Amino acid sequence: MTHPRDVPPSALLPRLATELKNRAAVSPPTWAAFVKTGVHKERAPTQDDWWYMRSASVLRKIYVHGNIGISRLSADYGGKRDRGSAPYHARKGSRAVLREIVQQLEHAGLVQAYKNKGRRVSGEGQKLLDTLSRDTLKALAEGRPELAKYL
C-alpha cells in the first residue's frame, strides 16, 4: 500500500490539486484574489491555481500529521517577518485562508472534525490520497525503475 508519505510532495500535490478542481465544494472565494497568505508575505500569490495547491497541501498535511488544528497549520505555513534592521521573527500564516480551506475540505467529505482535537482525514479522503499516491508512484517508477520496489 502506497501512502502520501512515500511519494514526493512535488509530484503528488499537482495531481491532487487537479483532482480538487473537479470538486464543486473546493473553490476559491471572491476575496482570494486579493489576500496575502500571511503577515510575513509582501504580496498576494501570483499563481492562478494557488488556492487548489494550498488545499492539496493542507489535505496532505492533515493526512501525514493526523489530528491537527488551524493554529498548528498556520504555524506550519508561516515564515519569518522582515522587520528592516531589526532581527527576523517567526510569524504564523493566514488563519482565515486555512480555516476556509479546511471548511471546504470538510464540506467535500475529505476531512472531518475529531473531538475538539482538530481535523483528520475521513475515509473518502484517505482513499483519494492513497489512490493518487499509488498512481503517482507508478508514473515515477516508469522513469526510474528503482522505485518499482515501493509499489
N, C-alpha and C. Protein backbone atom coordinates (compact mmCIF):
# COMPACT_ATOMS: atom_id res chain seq x y z
N MET A 1 0.85 -1.18 0.00
CA MET A 1 0.00 0.00 0.00
C MET A 1 0.89 1.24 0.00
N THR A 2 0.64 2.13 -0.92
CA THR A 2 1.42 3.35 -1.03
C THR A 2 0.71 4.47 -0.30
N HIS A 3 1.44 5.18 0.54
CA HIS A 3 0.90 6.29 1.31
C HIS A 3 1.47 7.60 0.78
N PRO A 4 0.81 8.72 1.08
CA PRO A 4 1.35 10.03 0.65
C PRO A 4 2.72 10.33 1.24
N ARG A 5 3.10 9.67 2.33
CA ARG A 5 4.44 9.87 2.89
C ARG A 5 5.52 9.30 1.96
N ASP A 6 5.15 8.30 1.17
CA ASP A 6 6.11 7.60 0.32
C ASP A 6 6.38 8.31 -1.00
N VAL A 7 5.55 9.30 -1.33
CA VAL A 7 5.64 9.97 -2.63
C VAL A 7 6.13 11.39 -2.40
N PRO A 8 7.03 11.90 -3.23
CA PRO A 8 7.48 13.28 -3.08
C PRO A 8 6.30 14.25 -3.24
N PRO A 9 6.18 15.23 -2.34
CA PRO A 9 5.06 16.18 -2.45
C PRO A 9 5.06 16.95 -3.76
N SER A 10 6.23 17.19 -4.33
CA SER A 10 6.29 17.93 -5.59
C SER A 10 5.63 17.16 -6.73
N ALA A 11 5.54 15.85 -6.63
CA ALA A 11 4.88 15.05 -7.65
C ALA A 11 3.40 14.82 -7.33
N LEU A 12 3.08 14.72 -6.05
CA LEU A 12 1.71 14.39 -5.63
C LEU A 12 0.79 15.60 -5.64
N LEU A 13 1.27 16.74 -5.17
CA LEU A 13 0.39 17.89 -4.98
C LEU A 13 -0.24 18.42 -6.27
N PRO A 14 0.47 18.51 -7.40
CA PRO A 14 -0.23 18.97 -8.62
C PRO A 14 -1.36 18.03 -9.05
N ARG A 15 -1.17 16.73 -8.89
CA ARG A 15 -2.24 15.78 -9.23
C ARG A 15 -3.42 15.92 -8.28
N LEU A 16 -3.13 16.11 -7.01
CA LEU A 16 -4.20 16.28 -6.03
C LEU A 16 -4.93 17.60 -6.26
N ALA A 17 -4.20 18.63 -6.66
CA ALA A 17 -4.83 19.93 -6.93
C ALA A 17 -5.79 19.83 -8.12
N THR A 18 -5.41 19.11 -9.17
CA THR A 18 -6.32 18.97 -10.30
C THR A 18 -7.54 18.14 -9.92
N GLU A 19 -7.36 17.19 -9.02
CA GLU A 19 -8.50 16.41 -8.54
C GLU A 19 -9.45 17.29 -7.72
N LEU A 20 -8.89 18.18 -6.91
CA LEU A 20 -9.73 19.07 -6.11
C LEU A 20 -10.44 20.11 -6.97
N LYS A 21 -9.85 20.48 -8.10
CA LYS A 21 -10.51 21.43 -9.01
C LYS A 21 -11.81 20.87 -9.54
N ASN A 22 -11.88 19.54 -9.69
CA ASN A 22 -13.08 18.90 -10.22
C ASN A 22 -14.20 18.80 -9.20
N ARG A 23 -13.92 19.07 -7.95
CA ARG A 23 -14.94 19.01 -6.91
C ARG A 23 -15.54 20.39 -6.71
N ALA A 24 -16.86 20.44 -6.69
CA ALA A 24 -17.55 21.73 -6.58
C ALA A 24 -17.39 22.36 -5.20
N ALA A 25 -17.15 21.54 -4.18
CA ALA A 25 -17.07 22.07 -2.81
C ALA A 25 -15.80 22.86 -2.57
N VAL A 26 -14.77 22.61 -3.35
CA VAL A 26 -13.49 23.31 -3.17
C VAL A 26 -13.32 24.32 -4.30
N SER A 27 -13.44 25.60 -3.94
CA SER A 27 -13.25 26.67 -4.92
C SER A 27 -12.81 27.92 -4.18
N PRO A 28 -12.00 28.75 -4.80
CA PRO A 28 -11.53 29.96 -4.11
C PRO A 28 -12.66 30.96 -3.92
N PRO A 29 -12.75 31.56 -2.73
CA PRO A 29 -13.76 32.60 -2.52
C PRO A 29 -13.39 33.87 -3.30
N THR A 30 -14.28 34.82 -3.33
CA THR A 30 -14.05 36.04 -4.12
C THR A 30 -12.88 36.84 -3.58
N TRP A 31 -12.65 36.80 -2.29
CA TRP A 31 -11.57 37.59 -1.69
C TRP A 31 -10.20 36.94 -1.85
N ALA A 32 -10.14 35.74 -2.39
CA ALA A 32 -8.86 35.02 -2.50
C ALA A 32 -7.90 35.68 -3.49
N ALA A 33 -8.41 36.49 -4.40
CA ALA A 33 -7.53 37.14 -5.38
C ALA A 33 -6.73 38.28 -4.76
N PHE A 34 -7.17 38.78 -3.60
CA PHE A 34 -6.55 39.96 -3.01
C PHE A 34 -5.82 39.68 -1.70
N VAL A 35 -5.92 38.49 -1.17
CA VAL A 35 -5.42 38.20 0.16
C VAL A 35 -3.97 37.72 0.12
N LYS A 36 -3.21 38.07 1.15
CA LYS A 36 -1.87 37.52 1.33
C LYS A 36 -2.00 36.21 2.11
N THR A 37 -1.01 35.37 2.01
CA THR A 37 -1.07 34.09 2.72
C THR A 37 -0.48 34.17 4.11
N GLY A 38 -0.07 35.34 4.52
CA GLY A 38 0.45 35.53 5.87
C GLY A 38 1.01 36.93 6.04
N VAL A 39 1.21 37.31 7.28
CA VAL A 39 1.74 38.64 7.58
C VAL A 39 3.20 38.76 7.17
N HIS A 40 3.86 37.63 6.99
CA HIS A 40 5.27 37.63 6.59
C HIS A 40 5.45 37.80 5.08
N LYS A 41 4.38 37.80 4.34
CA LYS A 41 4.45 37.98 2.88
C LYS A 41 4.19 39.43 2.51
N GLU A 42 4.79 39.89 1.42
CA GLU A 42 4.58 41.25 0.96
C GLU A 42 3.45 41.34 -0.05
N ARG A 43 3.25 40.28 -0.83
CA ARG A 43 2.25 40.32 -1.89
C ARG A 43 1.38 39.07 -1.86
N ALA A 44 0.28 39.16 -2.59
CA ALA A 44 -0.60 38.00 -2.76
C ALA A 44 0.06 36.99 -3.70
N PRO A 45 -0.35 35.74 -3.67
CA PRO A 45 0.22 34.75 -4.58
C PRO A 45 -0.04 35.11 -6.04
N THR A 46 0.90 34.79 -6.90
CA THR A 46 0.78 35.15 -8.31
C THR A 46 0.24 34.00 -9.17
N GLN A 47 0.28 32.77 -8.68
CA GLN A 47 -0.23 31.64 -9.45
C GLN A 47 -1.76 31.70 -9.51
N ASP A 48 -2.31 31.27 -10.63
CA ASP A 48 -3.76 31.28 -10.79
C ASP A 48 -4.44 30.22 -9.92
N ASP A 49 -3.81 29.08 -9.78
CA ASP A 49 -4.43 27.98 -9.05
C ASP A 49 -3.83 27.78 -7.65
N TRP A 50 -3.38 28.86 -7.03
CA TRP A 50 -2.73 28.74 -5.73
C TRP A 50 -3.70 28.20 -4.69
N TRP A 51 -4.97 28.47 -4.80
CA TRP A 51 -5.94 28.01 -3.81
C TRP A 51 -6.01 26.48 -3.81
N TYR A 52 -6.00 25.90 -5.00
CA TYR A 52 -6.08 24.44 -5.10
C TYR A 52 -4.78 23.78 -4.65
N MET A 53 -3.65 24.40 -4.95
CA MET A 53 -2.37 23.86 -4.48
C MET A 53 -2.29 23.92 -2.96
N ARG A 54 -2.75 25.02 -2.37
CA ARG A 54 -2.73 25.12 -0.90
C ARG A 54 -3.72 24.13 -0.30
N SER A 55 -4.87 23.94 -0.93
CA SER A 55 -5.84 22.96 -0.44
C SER A 55 -5.27 21.55 -0.49
N ALA A 56 -4.58 21.23 -1.57
CA ALA A 56 -3.95 19.92 -1.69
C ALA A 56 -2.87 19.74 -0.63
N SER A 57 -2.11 20.79 -0.39
CA SER A 57 -1.05 20.74 0.61
C SER A 57 -1.63 20.56 2.01
N VAL A 58 -2.71 21.26 2.30
CA VAL A 58 -3.36 21.14 3.61
C VAL A 58 -3.91 19.73 3.79
N LEU A 59 -4.54 19.19 2.76
CA LEU A 59 -5.09 17.84 2.86
C LEU A 59 -3.99 16.82 3.11
N ARG A 60 -2.88 16.94 2.41
CA ARG A 60 -1.75 16.03 2.63
C ARG A 60 -1.17 16.19 4.02
N LYS A 61 -1.07 17.43 4.48
CA LYS A 61 -0.50 17.69 5.80
C LYS A 61 -1.39 17.11 6.91
N ILE A 62 -2.72 17.23 6.74
CA ILE A 62 -3.64 16.65 7.71
C ILE A 62 -3.50 15.13 7.71
N TYR A 63 -3.31 14.54 6.54
CA TYR A 63 -3.13 13.09 6.45
C TYR A 63 -1.85 12.66 7.15
N VAL A 64 -0.77 13.36 6.90
CA VAL A 64 0.54 12.96 7.43
C VAL A 64 0.61 13.17 8.94
N HIS A 65 0.10 14.29 9.44
CA HIS A 65 0.26 14.63 10.85
C HIS A 65 -0.89 14.16 11.72
N GLY A 66 -1.96 13.66 11.16
CA GLY A 66 -3.07 13.19 11.98
C GLY A 66 -3.93 14.34 12.46
N ASN A 67 -4.31 14.31 13.72
CA ASN A 67 -5.18 15.35 14.28
C ASN A 67 -4.40 16.65 14.36
N ILE A 68 -4.83 17.63 13.58
CA ILE A 68 -4.13 18.91 13.53
C ILE A 68 -5.16 20.01 13.41
N GLY A 69 -4.93 21.11 14.11
CA GLY A 69 -5.86 22.23 14.11
C GLY A 69 -5.36 23.39 13.26
N ILE A 70 -6.17 24.44 13.23
CA ILE A 70 -5.87 25.60 12.41
C ILE A 70 -4.62 26.32 12.92
N SER A 71 -4.46 26.40 14.22
CA SER A 71 -3.31 27.10 14.78
C SER A 71 -1.99 26.42 14.39
N ARG A 72 -1.95 25.10 14.47
CA ARG A 72 -0.75 24.37 14.09
C ARG A 72 -0.50 24.47 12.58
N LEU A 73 -1.57 24.43 11.80
CA LEU A 73 -1.41 24.59 10.35
C LEU A 73 -0.87 25.97 10.01
N SER A 74 -1.37 27.00 10.71
CA SER A 74 -0.89 28.36 10.41
C SER A 74 0.57 28.52 10.81
N ALA A 75 1.00 27.82 11.85
CA ALA A 75 2.41 27.86 12.21
C ALA A 75 3.26 27.16 11.15
N ASP A 76 2.73 26.08 10.57
CA ASP A 76 3.47 25.37 9.52
C ASP A 76 3.58 26.19 8.24
N TYR A 77 2.56 26.98 7.94
CA TYR A 77 2.57 27.79 6.73
C TYR A 77 3.08 29.21 6.98
N GLY A 78 3.66 29.45 8.13
CA GLY A 78 4.21 30.76 8.45
C GLY A 78 5.60 30.93 7.90
N GLY A 79 6.24 32.01 8.32
CA GLY A 79 7.59 32.29 7.85
C GLY A 79 8.21 33.37 8.70
N LYS A 80 9.32 33.89 8.25
CA LYS A 80 9.99 34.93 9.01
C LYS A 80 9.58 36.30 8.50
N ARG A 81 9.34 37.20 9.42
CA ARG A 81 8.90 38.55 9.09
C ARG A 81 10.12 39.46 8.97
N ASP A 82 10.21 40.18 7.88
CA ASP A 82 11.30 41.12 7.67
C ASP A 82 10.94 42.41 8.40
N ARG A 83 11.74 42.76 9.40
CA ARG A 83 11.46 43.95 10.20
C ARG A 83 12.52 45.02 9.99
N GLY A 84 13.04 45.09 8.79
CA GLY A 84 14.06 46.10 8.50
C GLY A 84 15.39 45.72 9.11
N SER A 85 15.95 46.63 9.92
CA SER A 85 17.24 46.35 10.53
C SER A 85 17.10 45.54 11.82
N ALA A 86 15.89 45.36 12.31
CA ALA A 86 15.67 44.54 13.50
C ALA A 86 15.75 43.06 13.11
N PRO A 87 16.01 42.19 14.07
CA PRO A 87 16.11 40.76 13.75
C PRO A 87 14.77 40.19 13.25
N TYR A 88 14.86 39.13 12.48
CA TYR A 88 13.66 38.46 11.99
C TYR A 88 12.93 37.80 13.15
N HIS A 89 11.62 37.69 13.01
CA HIS A 89 10.80 36.96 13.97
C HIS A 89 9.86 36.05 13.20
N ALA A 90 9.60 34.88 13.74
CA ALA A 90 8.68 33.95 13.10
C ALA A 90 7.26 34.46 13.24
N ARG A 91 6.49 34.35 12.18
CA ARG A 91 5.09 34.75 12.18
C ARG A 91 4.27 33.62 11.57
N LYS A 92 3.04 33.51 12.03
CA LYS A 92 2.14 32.48 11.53
C LYS A 92 1.54 32.90 10.19
N GLY A 93 1.07 31.90 9.46
CA GLY A 93 0.39 32.16 8.20
C GLY A 93 -1.04 32.60 8.44
N SER A 94 -1.74 32.92 7.38
CA SER A 94 -3.11 33.41 7.48
C SER A 94 -4.04 32.31 7.96
N ARG A 95 -4.67 32.54 9.10
CA ARG A 95 -5.60 31.55 9.64
C ARG A 95 -6.94 31.60 8.90
N ALA A 96 -7.30 32.75 8.34
CA ALA A 96 -8.56 32.85 7.60
C ALA A 96 -8.52 32.00 6.34
N VAL A 97 -7.39 32.02 5.65
CA VAL A 97 -7.24 31.21 4.44
C VAL A 97 -7.32 29.73 4.81
N LEU A 98 -6.59 29.34 5.83
CA LEU A 98 -6.57 27.93 6.23
C LEU A 98 -7.93 27.48 6.76
N ARG A 99 -8.59 28.33 7.51
CA ARG A 99 -9.91 27.99 8.04
C ARG A 99 -10.90 27.75 6.90
N GLU A 100 -10.87 28.62 5.89
CA GLU A 100 -11.77 28.47 4.74
C GLU A 100 -11.46 27.20 3.97
N ILE A 101 -10.19 26.90 3.78
CA ILE A 101 -9.80 25.68 3.06
C ILE A 101 -10.24 24.44 3.82
N VAL A 102 -10.02 24.41 5.12
CA VAL A 102 -10.39 23.24 5.90
C VAL A 102 -11.91 23.07 5.91
N GLN A 103 -12.66 24.16 5.98
CA GLN A 103 -14.12 24.07 5.92
C GLN A 103 -14.58 23.53 4.58
N GLN A 104 -13.93 23.96 3.50
CA GLN A 104 -14.29 23.45 2.18
C GLN A 104 -13.96 21.96 2.05
N LEU A 105 -12.82 21.56 2.58
CA LEU A 105 -12.47 20.14 2.55
C LEU A 105 -13.43 19.32 3.40
N GLU A 106 -13.93 19.92 4.47
CA GLU A 106 -14.92 19.24 5.31
C GLU A 106 -16.24 19.08 4.56
N HIS A 107 -16.67 20.12 3.84
CA HIS A 107 -17.90 20.03 3.06
C HIS A 107 -17.76 19.05 1.90
N ALA A 108 -16.56 18.89 1.40
CA ALA A 108 -16.32 17.93 0.32
C ALA A 108 -16.28 16.49 0.84
N GLY A 109 -16.23 16.32 2.15
CA GLY A 109 -16.21 14.99 2.74
C GLY A 109 -14.83 14.37 2.83
N LEU A 110 -13.78 15.17 2.66
CA LEU A 110 -12.42 14.65 2.70
C LEU A 110 -11.78 14.76 4.08
N VAL A 111 -12.32 15.64 4.91
CA VAL A 111 -11.77 15.89 6.25
C VAL A 111 -12.94 15.89 7.23
N GLN A 112 -12.69 15.48 8.46
CA GLN A 112 -13.73 15.52 9.48
C GLN A 112 -13.16 16.04 10.79
N ALA A 113 -14.01 16.70 11.57
CA ALA A 113 -13.61 17.18 12.89
C ALA A 113 -13.49 15.99 13.83
N TYR A 114 -12.59 16.12 14.83
CA TYR A 114 -12.34 15.00 15.72
C TYR A 114 -12.25 15.47 17.16
N LYS A 115 -13.30 15.34 17.93
CA LYS A 115 -13.34 15.51 19.39
C LYS A 115 -12.55 16.71 19.91
N ASN A 116 -12.75 17.88 19.39
CA ASN A 116 -12.05 19.09 19.84
C ASN A 116 -10.53 18.94 19.78
N LYS A 117 -10.05 18.07 18.92
CA LYS A 117 -8.60 17.88 18.77
C LYS A 117 -8.15 18.19 17.36
N GLY A 118 -8.92 19.00 16.65
CA GLY A 118 -8.54 19.37 15.31
C GLY A 118 -9.29 18.56 14.26
N ARG A 119 -8.69 18.43 13.10
CA ARG A 119 -9.30 17.71 11.99
C ARG A 119 -8.42 16.51 11.62
N ARG A 120 -9.07 15.53 11.02
CA ARG A 120 -8.34 14.40 10.48
C ARG A 120 -9.00 13.98 9.17
N VAL A 121 -8.30 13.21 8.39
CA VAL A 121 -8.78 12.81 7.08
C VAL A 121 -9.88 11.76 7.24
N SER A 122 -10.95 11.91 6.48
CA SER A 122 -12.05 10.95 6.51
C SER A 122 -11.67 9.73 5.65
N GLY A 123 -12.55 8.76 5.62
CA GLY A 123 -12.29 7.57 4.81
C GLY A 123 -12.21 7.88 3.33
N GLU A 124 -13.09 8.76 2.86
CA GLU A 124 -13.07 9.15 1.45
C GLU A 124 -11.79 9.90 1.10
N GLY A 125 -11.34 10.77 2.00
CA GLY A 125 -10.10 11.50 1.77
C GLY A 125 -8.89 10.59 1.77
N GLN A 126 -8.90 9.61 2.66
CA GLN A 126 -7.79 8.66 2.71
C GLN A 126 -7.75 7.81 1.44
N LYS A 127 -8.92 7.42 0.96
CA LYS A 127 -8.98 6.64 -0.28
C LYS A 127 -8.45 7.46 -1.45
N LEU A 128 -8.84 8.72 -1.52
CA LEU A 128 -8.38 9.60 -2.60
C LEU A 128 -6.86 9.76 -2.57
N LEU A 129 -6.32 10.04 -1.39
CA LEU A 129 -4.87 10.25 -1.26
C LEU A 129 -4.08 8.97 -1.55
N ASP A 130 -4.57 7.84 -1.07
CA ASP A 130 -3.86 6.58 -1.33
C ASP A 130 -3.88 6.22 -2.81
N THR A 131 -5.02 6.44 -3.47
CA THR A 131 -5.12 6.15 -4.90
C THR A 131 -4.20 7.04 -5.71
N LEU A 132 -4.22 8.34 -5.42
CA LEU A 132 -3.35 9.27 -6.15
C LEU A 132 -1.88 9.00 -5.86
N SER A 133 -1.57 8.60 -4.63
CA SER A 133 -0.18 8.28 -4.29
C SER A 133 0.31 7.07 -5.08
N ARG A 134 -0.54 6.06 -5.17
CA ARG A 134 -0.17 4.86 -5.92
C ARG A 134 0.03 5.19 -7.40
N ASP A 135 -0.90 5.96 -7.98
CA ASP A 135 -0.79 6.33 -9.39
C ASP A 135 0.45 7.19 -9.65
N THR A 136 0.73 8.10 -8.73
CA THR A 136 1.90 8.97 -8.88
C THR A 136 3.19 8.16 -8.79
N LEU A 137 3.24 7.23 -7.85
CA LEU A 137 4.44 6.41 -7.72
C LEU A 137 4.63 5.50 -8.93
N LYS A 138 3.53 5.01 -9.51
CA LYS A 138 3.64 4.21 -10.73
C LYS A 138 4.21 5.05 -11.87
N ALA A 139 3.75 6.29 -11.98
CA ALA A 139 4.25 7.18 -13.03
C ALA A 139 5.73 7.50 -12.81
N LEU A 140 6.12 7.68 -11.55
CA LEU A 140 7.52 7.95 -11.25
C LEU A 140 8.39 6.71 -11.51
N ALA A 141 7.83 5.52 -11.25
CA ALA A 141 8.59 4.29 -11.43
C ALA A 141 8.85 3.98 -12.90
N GLU A 142 8.02 4.51 -13.80
CA GLU A 142 8.27 4.30 -15.22
C GLU A 142 9.56 4.99 -15.65
N GLY A 143 9.83 6.16 -15.08
CA GLY A 143 11.05 6.88 -15.41
C GLY A 143 12.25 6.41 -14.60
N ARG A 144 12.00 5.92 -13.41
CA ARG A 144 13.08 5.45 -12.53
C ARG A 144 12.73 4.06 -12.03
N PRO A 145 13.25 3.02 -12.65
CA PRO A 145 12.86 1.64 -12.31
C PRO A 145 13.17 1.25 -10.87
N GLU A 146 14.11 1.90 -10.23
CA GLU A 146 14.44 1.53 -8.85
C GLU A 146 13.31 1.84 -7.87
N LEU A 147 12.35 2.66 -8.28
CA LEU A 147 11.20 2.98 -7.42
C LEU A 147 10.11 1.92 -7.49
N ALA A 148 10.21 0.98 -8.41
CA ALA A 148 9.17 -0.03 -8.59
C ALA A 148 9.05 -0.94 -7.37
N LYS A 149 10.09 -1.08 -6.58
CA LYS A 149 10.02 -1.95 -5.41
C LYS A 149 9.11 -1.38 -4.32
N TYR A 150 8.75 -0.11 -4.40
CA TYR A 150 7.88 0.50 -3.41
C TYR A 150 6.40 0.39 -3.75
N LEU A 151 6.09 -0.21 -4.89
CA LEU A 151 4.69 -0.36 -5.29
C LEU A 151 4.04 -1.54 -4.63
